[in-house]
Amino acid sequence: MPRYLVQRTFADGLFIPVDGEGAKACLEVVEENAKYGVTWVHSYVSPDKSVSYCVYDGPSPAAIREAAQAANLPVDQITEVRVLDPYFYH
């Protein structure tokens, strides 16, 4: 399955409460993604919470966009990526 880096901009910031409500919001995204064969692996968020960089597995960029639209999440850019780490050569 291809892996993608998804960049999102949140004009008002991305604020997910660290409680049951936040957990429920994340689970709803996971469940919506599953309908499109998309898996949210993890995300990085800028210190000001205005931009996120999310790692996703999915069949295509179109599937990632459709899942994002269904979950009311913005998408600025989708880039197919592969893992490269410093331990590759050891």
PDB file of N, CA and C in Angstrom:
ATOM      1  N   MET A   1       0.863  -1.182   0.000  1.00  0.00           N
ATOM      2  CA  MET A   1       0.000   0.000   0.000  1.00  0.00           C
ATOM      3  C   MET A   1       0.898   1.230   0.000  1.00  0.00           C
ATOM      4  N   PRO A   2       0.650   2.182  -0.875  1.00  0.00           N
ATOM      5  CA  PRO A   2       1.455   3.404  -0.901  1.00  0.00           C
ATOM      6  C   PRO A   2       1.289   4.218   0.390  1.00  0.00           C
ATOM      7  N   ARG A   3       2.328   4.965   0.713  1.00  0.00           N
ATOM      8  CA  ARG A   3       2.310   5.850   1.889  1.00  0.00           C
ATOM      9  C   ARG A   3       2.384   7.289   1.388  1.00  0.00           C
ATOM     10  N   TYR A   4       1.647   8.169   2.069  1.00  0.00           N
ATOM     11  CA  TYR A   4       1.567   9.569   1.652  1.00  0.00           C
ATOM     12  C   TYR A   4       1.786  10.500   2.833  1.00  0.00           C
ATOM     13  N   LEU A   5       2.349  11.661   2.542  1.00  0.00           N
ATOM     14  CA  LEU A   5       2.448  12.747   3.497  1.00  0.00           C
ATOM     15  C   LEU A   5       1.399  13.775   3.084  1.00  0.00           C
ATOM     16  N   VAL A   6       0.504  14.101   3.997  1.00  0.00           N
ATOM     17  CA  VAL A   6      -0.604  15.016   3.709  1.00  0.00           C
ATOM     18  C   VAL A   6      -0.396  16.293   4.526  1.00  0.00           C
ATOM     19  N   GLN A   7      -0.277  17.418   3.834  1.00  0.00           N
ATOM     20  CA  GLN A   7      -0.138  18.701   4.513  1.00  0.00           C
ATOM     21  C   GLN A   7      -1.503  19.368   4.589  1.00  0.00           C
ATOM     22  N   ARG A   8      -1.810  19.872   5.788  1.00  0.00           N
ATOM     23  CA  ARG A   8      -3.099  20.538   6.019  1.00  0.00           C
ATOM     24  C   ARG A   8      -2.850  21.865   6.722  1.00  0.00           C
ATOM     25  N   THR A   9      -3.598  22.878   6.346  1.00  0.00           N
ATOM     26  CA  THR A   9      -3.537  24.164   7.031  1.00  0.00           C
ATOM     27  C   THR A   9      -4.868  24.406   7.729  1.00  0.00           C
ATOM     28  N   PHE A  10      -4.781  24.798   8.996  1.00  0.00           N
ATOM     29  CA  PHE A  10      -5.966  25.100   9.804  1.00  0.00           C
ATOM     30  C   PHE A  10      -5.911  26.580  10.169  1.00  0.00           C
ATOM     31  N   ALA A  11      -6.714  27.382   9.513  1.00  0.00           N
ATOM     32  CA  ALA A  11      -6.684  28.839   9.702  1.00  0.00           C
ATOM     33  C   ALA A  11      -6.875  29.223  11.167  1.00  0.00           C
ATOM     34  N   ASP A  12      -7.751  28.507  11.860  1.00  0.00           N
ATOM     35  CA  ASP A  12      -8.023  28.815  13.269  1.00  0.00           C
ATOM     36  C   ASP A  12      -7.243  27.916  14.218  1.00  0.00           C
ATOM     37  N   GLY A  13      -6.346  27.100  13.675  1.00  0.00           N
ATOM     38  CA  GLY A  13      -5.566  26.176  14.502  1.00  0.00           C
ATOM     39  C   GLY A  13      -6.287  24.854  14.678  1.00  0.00           C
ATOM     40  N   LEU A  14      -5.494  23.837  14.943  1.00  0.00           N
ATOM     41  CA  LEU A  14      -6.024  22.496  15.188  1.00  0.00           C
ATOM     42  C   LEU A  14      -5.973  22.230  16.681  1.00  0.00           C
ATOM     43  N   PHE A  15      -7.101  22.232  17.313  1.00  0.00           N
ATOM     44  CA  PHE A  15      -7.166  22.036  18.748  1.00  0.00           C
ATOM     45  C   PHE A  15      -8.010  20.806  19.042  1.00  0.00           C
ATOM     46  N   ILE A  16      -7.344  19.732  19.434  1.00  0.00           N
ATOM     47  CA  ILE A  16      -8.022  18.488  19.805  1.00  0.00           C
ATOM     48  C   ILE A  16      -7.847  18.327  21.301  1.00  0.00           C
ATOM     49  N   PRO A  17      -8.926  18.355  22.057  1.00  0.00           N
ATOM     50  CA  PRO A  17      -8.790  18.232  23.508  1.00  0.00           C
ATOM     51  C   PRO A  17      -8.192  16.877  23.898  1.00  0.00           C
ATOM     52  N   VAL A  18      -7.402  16.889  24.951  1.00  0.00           N
ATOM     53  CA  VAL A  18      -6.778  15.659  25.442  1.00  0.00           C
ATOM     54  C   VAL A  18      -7.720  15.056  26.489  1.00  0.00           C
ATOM     55  N   ASP A  19      -8.839  14.545  25.981  1.00  0.00           N
ATOM     56  CA  ASP A  19      -9.835  13.918  26.848  1.00  0.00           C
ATOM     57  C   ASP A  19     -10.700  12.995  25.987  1.00  0.00           C
ATOM     58  N   GLY A  20     -11.761  12.520  26.528  1.00  0.00           N
ATOM     59  CA  GLY A  20     -12.643  11.614  25.800  1.00  0.00           C
ATOM     60  C   GLY A  20     -13.208  12.230  24.533  1.00  0.00           C
ATOM     61  N   GLU A  21     -13.483  13.520  24.570  1.00  0.00           N
ATOM     62  CA  GLU A  21     -14.019  14.203  23.384  1.00  0.00           C
ATOM     63  C   GLU A  21     -12.989  14.197  22.251  1.00  0.00           C
ATOM     64  N   GLY A  22     -11.733  14.453  22.583  1.00  0.00           N
ATOM     65  CA  GLY A  22     -10.676  14.432  21.578  1.00  0.00           C
ATOM     66  C   GLY A  22     -10.464  13.031  21.025  1.00  0.00           C
ATOM     67  N   ALA A  23     -10.504  12.035  21.912  1.00  0.00           N
ATOM     68  CA  ALA A  23     -10.352  10.640  21.474  1.00  0.00           C
ATOM     69  C   ALA A  23     -11.483  10.259  20.526  1.00  0.00           C
ATOM     70  N   LYS A  24     -12.689  10.701  20.836  1.00  0.00           N
ATOM     71  CA  LYS A  24     -13.842  10.406  19.981  1.00  0.00           C
ATOM     72  C   LYS A  24     -13.679  11.058  18.610  1.00  0.00           C
ATOM     73  N   ALA A  25     -13.195  12.298  18.583  1.00  0.00           N
ATOM     74  CA  ALA A  25     -12.994  12.998  17.310  1.00  0.00           C
ATOM     75  C   ALA A  25     -11.972  12.258  16.445  1.00  0.00           C
ATOM     76  N   CYS A  26     -10.892  11.792  17.050  1.00  0.00           N
ATOM     77  CA  CYS A  26      -9.869  11.049  16.297  1.00  0.00           C
ATOM     78  C   CYS A  26     -10.425   9.722  15.796  1.00  0.00           C
ATOM     79  N   LEU A  27     -11.184   9.032  16.617  1.00  0.00           N
ATOM     80  CA  LEU A  27     -11.774   7.754  16.215  1.00  0.00           C
ATOM     81  C   LEU A  27     -12.741   7.941  15.049  1.00  0.00           C
ATOM     82  N   GLU A  28     -13.479   9.040  15.044  1.00  0.00           N
ATOM     83  CA  GLU A  28     -14.395   9.321  13.935  1.00  0.00           C
ATOM     84  C   GLU A  28     -13.632   9.489  12.621  1.00  0.00           C
ATOM     85  N   VAL A  29     -12.461  10.132  12.675  1.00  0.00           N
ATOM     86  CA  VAL A  29     -11.636  10.266  11.473  1.00  0.00           C
ATOM     87  C   VAL A  29     -11.164   8.892  11.018  1.00  0.00           C
ATOM     88  N   VAL A  30     -10.691   8.084  11.957  1.00  0.00           N
ATOM     89  CA  VAL A  30     -10.218   6.731  11.635  1.00  0.00           C
ATOM     90  C   VAL A  30     -11.330   5.916  10.976  1.00  0.00           C
ATOM     91  N   GLU A  31     -12.527   5.980  11.528  1.00  0.00           N
ATOM     92  CA  GLU A  31     -13.653   5.217  10.985  1.00  0.00           C
ATOM     93  C   GLU A  31     -14.055   5.724   9.604  1.00  0.00           C
ATOM     94  N   GLU A  32     -14.046   7.020   9.391  1.00  0.00           N
ATOM     95  CA  GLU A  32     -14.392   7.585   8.083  1.00  0.00           C
ATOM     96  C   GLU A  32     -13.343   7.172   7.049  1.00  0.00           C
ATOM     97  N   ASN A  33     -12.059   7.246   7.440  1.00  0.00           N
ATOM     98  CA  ASN A  33     -10.978   6.842   6.538  1.00  0.00           C
ATOM     99  C   ASN A  33     -11.144   5.404   6.069  1.00  0.00           C
ATOM    100  N   ALA A  34     -11.552   4.525   6.966  1.00  0.00           N
ATOM    101  CA  ALA A  34     -11.677   3.097   6.648  1.00  0.00           C
ATOM    102  C   ALA A  34     -12.650   2.865   5.497  1.00  0.00           C
ATOM    103  N   LYS A  35     -13.640   3.714   5.370  1.00  0.00           N
ATOM    104  CA  LYS A  35     -14.607   3.580   4.277  1.00  0.00           C
ATOM    105  C   LYS A  35     -13.961   3.753   2.910  1.00  0.00           C
ATOM    106  N   TYR A  36     -12.785   4.399   2.885  1.00  0.00           N
ATOM    107  CA  TYR A  36     -12.082   4.671   1.634  1.00  0.00           C
ATOM    108  C   TYR A  36     -10.787   3.865   1.512  1.00  0.00           C
ATOM    109  N   GLY A  37     -10.576   2.924   2.440  1.00  0.00           N
ATOM    110  CA  GLY A  37      -9.370   2.108   2.422  1.00  0.00           C
ATOM    111  C   GLY A  37      -8.131   2.881   2.834  1.00  0.00           C
ATOM    112  N   VAL A  38      -8.311   3.927   3.628  1.00  0.00           N
ATOM    113  CA  VAL A  38      -7.245   4.827   4.039  1.00  0.00           C
ATOM    114  C   VAL A  38      -6.954   4.624   5.526  1.00  0.00           C
ATOM    115  N   THR A  39      -5.656   4.624   5.890  1.00  0.00           N
ATOM    116  CA  THR A  39      -5.243   4.460   7.283  1.00  0.00           C
ATOM    117  C   THR A  39      -4.395   5.644   7.718  1.00  0.00           C
ATOM    118  N   TRP A  40      -4.794   6.287   8.790  1.00  0.00           N
ATOM    119  CA  TRP A  40      -4.034   7.379   9.392  1.00  0.00           C
ATOM    120  C   TRP A  40      -2.957   6.747  10.260  1.00  0.00           C
ATOM    121  N   VAL A  41      -1.685   6.956   9.939  1.00  0.00           N
ATOM    122  CA  VAL A  41      -0.580   6.365  10.681  1.00  0.00           C
ATOM    123  C   VAL A  41      -0.214   7.239  11.871  1.00  0.00           C
ATOM    124  N   HIS A  42       0.111   8.502  11.632  1.00  0.00           N
ATOM    125  CA  HIS A  42       0.365   9.484  12.691  1.00  0.00           C
ATOM    126  C   HIS A  42       0.503  10.860  12.063  1.00  0.00           C
ATOM    127  N   SER A  43       0.572  11.871  12.907  1.00  0.00           N
ATOM    128  CA  SER A  43       0.666  13.249  12.425  1.00  0.00           C
ATOM    129  C   SER A  43       1.677  14.036  13.231  1.00  0.00           C
ATOM    130  N   TYR A  44       2.180  15.092  12.606  1.00  0.00           N
ATOM    131  CA  TYR A  44       3.018  16.089  13.255  1.00  0.00           C
ATOM    132  C   TYR A  44       2.275  17.410  13.133  1.00  0.00           C
ATOM    133  N   VAL A  45       2.321  18.216  14.187  1.00  0.00           N
ATOM    134  CA  VAL A  45       1.604  19.488  14.189  1.00  0.00           C
ATOM    135  C   VAL A  45       2.596  20.599  14.531  1.00  0.00           C
ATOM    136  N   SER A  46       2.527  21.708  13.800  1.00  0.00           N
ATOM    137  CA  SER A  46       3.411  22.842  14.062  1.00  0.00           C
ATOM    138  C   SER A  46       3.131  23.396  15.464  1.00  0.00           C
ATOM    139  N   PRO A  47       4.122  24.063  16.072  1.00  0.00           N
ATOM    140  CA  PRO A  47       3.926  24.591  17.427  1.00  0.00           C
ATOM    141  C   PRO A  47       2.718  25.512  17.564  1.00  0.00           C
ATOM    142  N   ASP A  48       2.412  26.274  16.528  1.00  0.00           N
ATOM    143  CA  ASP A  48       1.245  27.167  16.600  1.00  0.00           C
ATOM    144  C   ASP A  48      -0.055  26.473  16.211  1.00  0.00           C
ATOM    145  N   LYS A  49       0.036  25.182  15.900  1.00  0.00           N
ATOM    146  CA  LYS A  49      -1.111  24.328  15.563  1.00  0.00           C
ATOM    147  C   LYS A  49      -1.852  24.767  14.297  1.00  0.00           C
ATOM    148  N   SER A  50      -1.165  25.497  13.419  1.00  0.00           N
ATOM    149  CA  SER A  50      -1.825  25.946  12.197  1.00  0.00           C
ATOM    150  C   SER A  50      -1.615  25.002  11.017  1.00  0.00           C
ATOM    151  N   VAL A  51      -0.585  24.139  11.114  1.00  0.00           N
ATOM    152  CA  VAL A  51      -0.274  23.220  10.019  1.00  0.00           C
ATOM    153  C   VAL A  51      -0.031  21.825  10.590  1.00  0.00           C
ATOM    154  N   SER A  52      -0.570  20.836   9.910  1.00  0.00           N
ATOM    155  CA  SER A  52      -0.259  19.455  10.286  1.00  0.00           C
ATOM    156  C   SER A  52       0.323  18.730   9.083  1.00  0.00           C
ATOM    157  N   TYR A  53       1.165  17.755   9.385  1.00  0.00           N
ATOM    158  CA  TYR A  53       1.770  16.879   8.391  1.00  0.00           C
ATOM    159  C   TYR A  53       1.392  15.470   8.822  1.00  0.00           C
ATOM    160  N   CYS A  54       0.544  14.835   8.046  1.00  0.00           N
ATOM    161  CA  CYS A  54      -0.034  13.554   8.433  1.00  0.00           C
ATOM    162  C   CYS A  54       0.475  12.449   7.526  1.00  0.00           C
ATOM    163  N   VAL A  55       0.849  11.341   8.125  1.00  0.00           N
ATOM    164  CA  VAL A  55       1.296  10.180   7.373  1.00  0.00           C
ATOM    165  C   VAL A  55       0.105   9.239   7.229  1.00  0.00           C
ATOM    166  N   TYR A  56      -0.187   8.890   5.974  1.00  0.00           N
ATOM    167  CA  TYR A  56      -1.330   8.036   5.662  1.00  0.00           C
ATOM    168  C   TYR A  56      -0.908   6.906   4.741  1.00  0.00           C
ATOM    169  N   ASP A  57      -1.537   5.765   4.901  1.00  0.00           N
ATOM    170  CA  ASP A  57      -1.458   4.685   3.924  1.00  0.00           C
ATOM    171  C   ASP A  57      -2.795   4.669   3.205  1.00  0.00           C
ATOM    172  N   GLY A  58      -2.754   4.472   1.892  1.00  0.00           N
ATOM    173  CA  GLY A  58      -3.999   4.444   1.138  1.00  0.00           C
ATOM    174  C   GLY A  58      -3.763   4.026  -0.291  1.00  0.00           C
ATOM    175  N   PRO A  59      -4.832   3.692  -0.981  1.00  0.00           N
ATOM    176  CA  PRO A  59      -4.700   3.201  -2.348  1.00  0.00           C
ATOM    177  C   PRO A  59      -4.302   4.274  -3.367  1.00  0.00           C
ATOM    178  N   SER A  60      -4.641   5.556  -3.088  1.00  0.00           N
ATOM    179  CA  SER A  60      -4.358   6.616  -4.057  1.00  0.00           C
ATOM    180  C   SER A  60      -4.544   7.983  -3.400  1.00  0.00           C
ATOM    181  N   PRO A  61      -3.972   9.021  -4.003  1.00  0.00           N
ATOM    182  CA  PRO A  61      -4.239  10.376  -3.511  1.00  0.00           C
ATOM    183  C   PRO A  61      -5.733  10.717  -3.552  1.00  0.00           C
ATOM    184  N   ALA A  62      -6.428  10.220  -4.572  1.00  0.00           N
ATOM    185  CA  ALA A  62      -7.874  10.494  -4.670  1.00  0.00           C
ATOM    186  C   ALA A  62      -8.619   9.927  -3.463  1.00  0.00           C
ATOM    187  N   ALA A  63      -8.264   8.734  -3.028  1.00  0.00           N
ATOM    188  CA  ALA A  63      -8.917   8.121  -1.861  1.00  0.00           C
ATOM    189  C   ALA A  63      -8.633   8.945  -0.606  1.00  0.00           C
ATOM    190  N   ILE A  64      -7.424   9.448  -0.485  1.00  0.00           N
ATOM    191  CA  ILE A  64      -7.069  10.280   0.679  1.00  0.00           C
ATOM    192  C   ILE A  64      -7.884  11.572   0.656  1.00  0.00           C
ATOM    193  N   ARG A  65      -8.016  12.180  -0.511  1.00  0.00           N
ATOM    194  CA  ARG A  65      -8.816  13.409  -0.623  1.00  0.00           C
ATOM    195  C   ARG A  65     -10.289  13.161  -0.303  1.00  0.00           C
ATOM    196  N   GLU A  66     -10.829  12.054  -0.798  1.00  0.00           N
ATOM    197  CA  GLU A  66     -12.230  11.726  -0.535  1.00  0.00           C
ATOM    198  C   GLU A  66     -12.461  11.495   0.960  1.00  0.00           C
ATOM    199  N   ALA A  67     -11.552  10.785   1.609  1.00  0.00           N
ATOM    200  CA  ALA A  67     -11.680  10.535   3.050  1.00  0.00           C
ATOM    201  C   ALA A  67     -11.581  11.842   3.828  1.00  0.00           C
ATOM    202  N   ALA A  68     -10.659  12.712   3.424  1.00  0.00           N
ATOM    203  CA  ALA A  68     -10.514  14.005   4.097  1.00  0.00           C
ATOM    204  C   ALA A  68     -11.773  14.845   3.945  1.00  0.00           C
ATOM    205  N   GLN A  69     -12.323  14.861   2.743  1.00  0.00           N
ATOM    206  CA  GLN A  69     -13.549  15.633   2.506  1.00  0.00           C
ATOM    207  C   GLN A  69     -14.686  15.101   3.373  1.00  0.00           C
ATOM    208  N   ALA A  70     -14.808  13.781   3.464  1.00  0.00           N
ATOM    209  CA  ALA A  70     -15.872  13.179   4.278  1.00  0.00           C
ATOM    210  C   ALA A  70     -15.704  13.509   5.755  1.00  0.00           C
ATOM    211  N   ALA A  71     -14.445  13.679   6.194  1.00  0.00           N
ATOM    212  CA  ALA A  71     -14.168  13.987   7.604  1.00  0.00           C
ATOM    213  C   ALA A  71     -14.044  15.495   7.846  1.00  0.00           C
ATOM    214  N   ASN A  72     -14.339  16.296   6.824  1.00  0.00           N
ATOM    215  CA  ASN A  72     -14.243  17.760   6.920  1.00  0.00           C
ATOM    216  C   ASN A  72     -12.839  18.230   7.294  1.00  0.00           C
ATOM    217  N   LEU A  73     -11.829  17.597   6.698  1.00  0.00           N
ATOM    218  CA  LEU A  73     -10.441  17.983   6.939  1.00  0.00           C
ATOM    219  C   LEU A  73      -9.866  18.624   5.681  1.00  0.00           C
ATOM    220  N   PRO A  74      -9.112  19.709   5.836  1.00  0.00           N
ATOM    221  CA  PRO A  74      -8.507  20.343   4.675  1.00  0.00           C
ATOM    222  C   PRO A  74      -7.348  19.499   4.127  1.00  0.00           C
ATOM    223  N   VAL A  75      -7.038  19.674   2.867  1.00  0.00           N
ATOM    224  CA  VAL A  75      -5.875  19.054   2.234  1.00  0.00           C
ATOM    225  C   VAL A  75      -5.207  20.112   1.370  1.00  0.00           C
ATOM    226  N   ASP A  76      -3.954  20.439   1.700  1.00  0.00           N
ATOM    227  CA  ASP A  76      -3.183  21.379   0.885  1.00  0.00           C
ATOM    228  C   ASP A  76      -2.374  20.640  -0.165  1.00  0.00           C
ATOM    229  N   GLN A  77      -1.757  19.547   0.268  1.00  0.00           N
ATOM    230  CA  GLN A  77      -0.859  18.818  -0.628  1.00  0.00           C
ATOM    231  C   GLN A  77      -0.767  17.367  -0.188  1.00  0.00           C
ATOM    232  N   ILE A  78      -0.669  16.473  -1.158  1.00  0.00           N
ATOM    233  CA  ILE A  78      -0.462  15.045  -0.905  1.00  0.00           C
ATOM    234  C   ILE A  78       0.770  14.627  -1.699  1.00  0.00           C
ATOM    235  N   THR A  79       1.730  14.034  -1.002  1.00  0.00           N
ATOM    236  CA  THR A  79       2.961  13.593  -1.638  1.00  0.00           C
ATOM    237  C   THR A  79       3.204  12.128  -1.290  1.00  0.00           C
ATOM    238  N   GLU A  80       3.409  11.302  -2.301  1.00  0.00           N
ATOM    239  CA  GLU A  80       3.766   9.912  -2.024  1.00  0.00           C
ATOM    240  C   GLU A  80       5.190   9.896  -1.486  1.00  0.00           C
ATOM    241  N   VAL A  81       5.424   9.121  -0.418  1.00  0.00           N
ATOM    242  CA  VAL A  81       6.735   9.078   0.235  1.00  0.00           C
ATOM    243  C   VAL A  81       7.165   7.638   0.494  1.00  0.00           C
ATOM    244  N   ARG A  82       8.456   7.486   0.725  1.00  0.00           N
ATOM    245  CA  ARG A  82       9.037   6.211   1.123  1.00  0.00           C
ATOM    246  C   ARG A  82       9.941   6.464   2.320  1.00  0.00           C
ATOM    247  N   VAL A  83      10.151   5.456   3.136  1.00  0.00           N
ATOM    248  CA  VAL A  83      10.964   5.597   4.342  1.00  0.00           C
ATOM    249  C   VAL A  83      12.445   5.651   3.981  1.00  0.00           C
ATOM    250  N   LEU A  84      13.134   6.603   4.569  1.00  0.00           N
ATOM    251  CA  LEU A  84      14.582   6.695   4.510  1.00  0.00           C
ATOM    252  C   LEU A  84      15.028   7.097   5.906  1.00  0.00           C
ATOM    253  N   ASP A  85      15.842   6.284   6.529  1.00  0.00           N
ATOM    254  CA  ASP A  85      16.344   6.642   7.852  1.00  0.00           C
ATOM    255  C   ASP A  85      17.848   6.408   7.917  1.00  0.00           C
ATOM    256  N   PRO A  86      18.526   6.967   8.925  1.00  0.00           N
ATOM    257  CA  PRO A  86      19.985   6.874   8.990  1.00  0.00           C
ATOM    258  C   PRO A  86      20.493   5.465   9.287  1.00  0.00           C
ATOM    259  N   TYR A  87      19.620   4.568   9.650  1.00  0.00           N
ATOM    260  CA  TYR A  87      20.038   3.199   9.980  1.00  0.00           C
ATOM    261  C   TYR A  87      19.992   2.278   8.774  1.00  0.00           C
ATOM    262  N   PHE A  88      19.567   2.823   7.638  1.00  0.00           N
ATOM    263  CA  PHE A  88      19.464   2.041   6.416  1.00  0.00           C
ATOM    264  C   PHE A  88      20.789   1.397   6.041  1.00  0.00           C
ATOM    265  N   TYR A  89      21.898   2.095   6.289  1.00  0.00           N
ATOM    266  CA  TYR A  89      23.196   1.630   5.848  1.00  0.00           C
ATOM    267  C   TYR A  89      23.920   0.738   6.857  1.00  0.00           C
ATOM    268  N   HIS A  90      23.305   0.446   7.979  1.00  0.00           N
ATOM    269  CA  HIS A  90      23.948  -0.386   9.017  1.00  0.00           C
ATOM    270  C   HIS A  90      23.543  -1.826   8.909  1.00  0.00           C
TER     271      HIS A  90
END
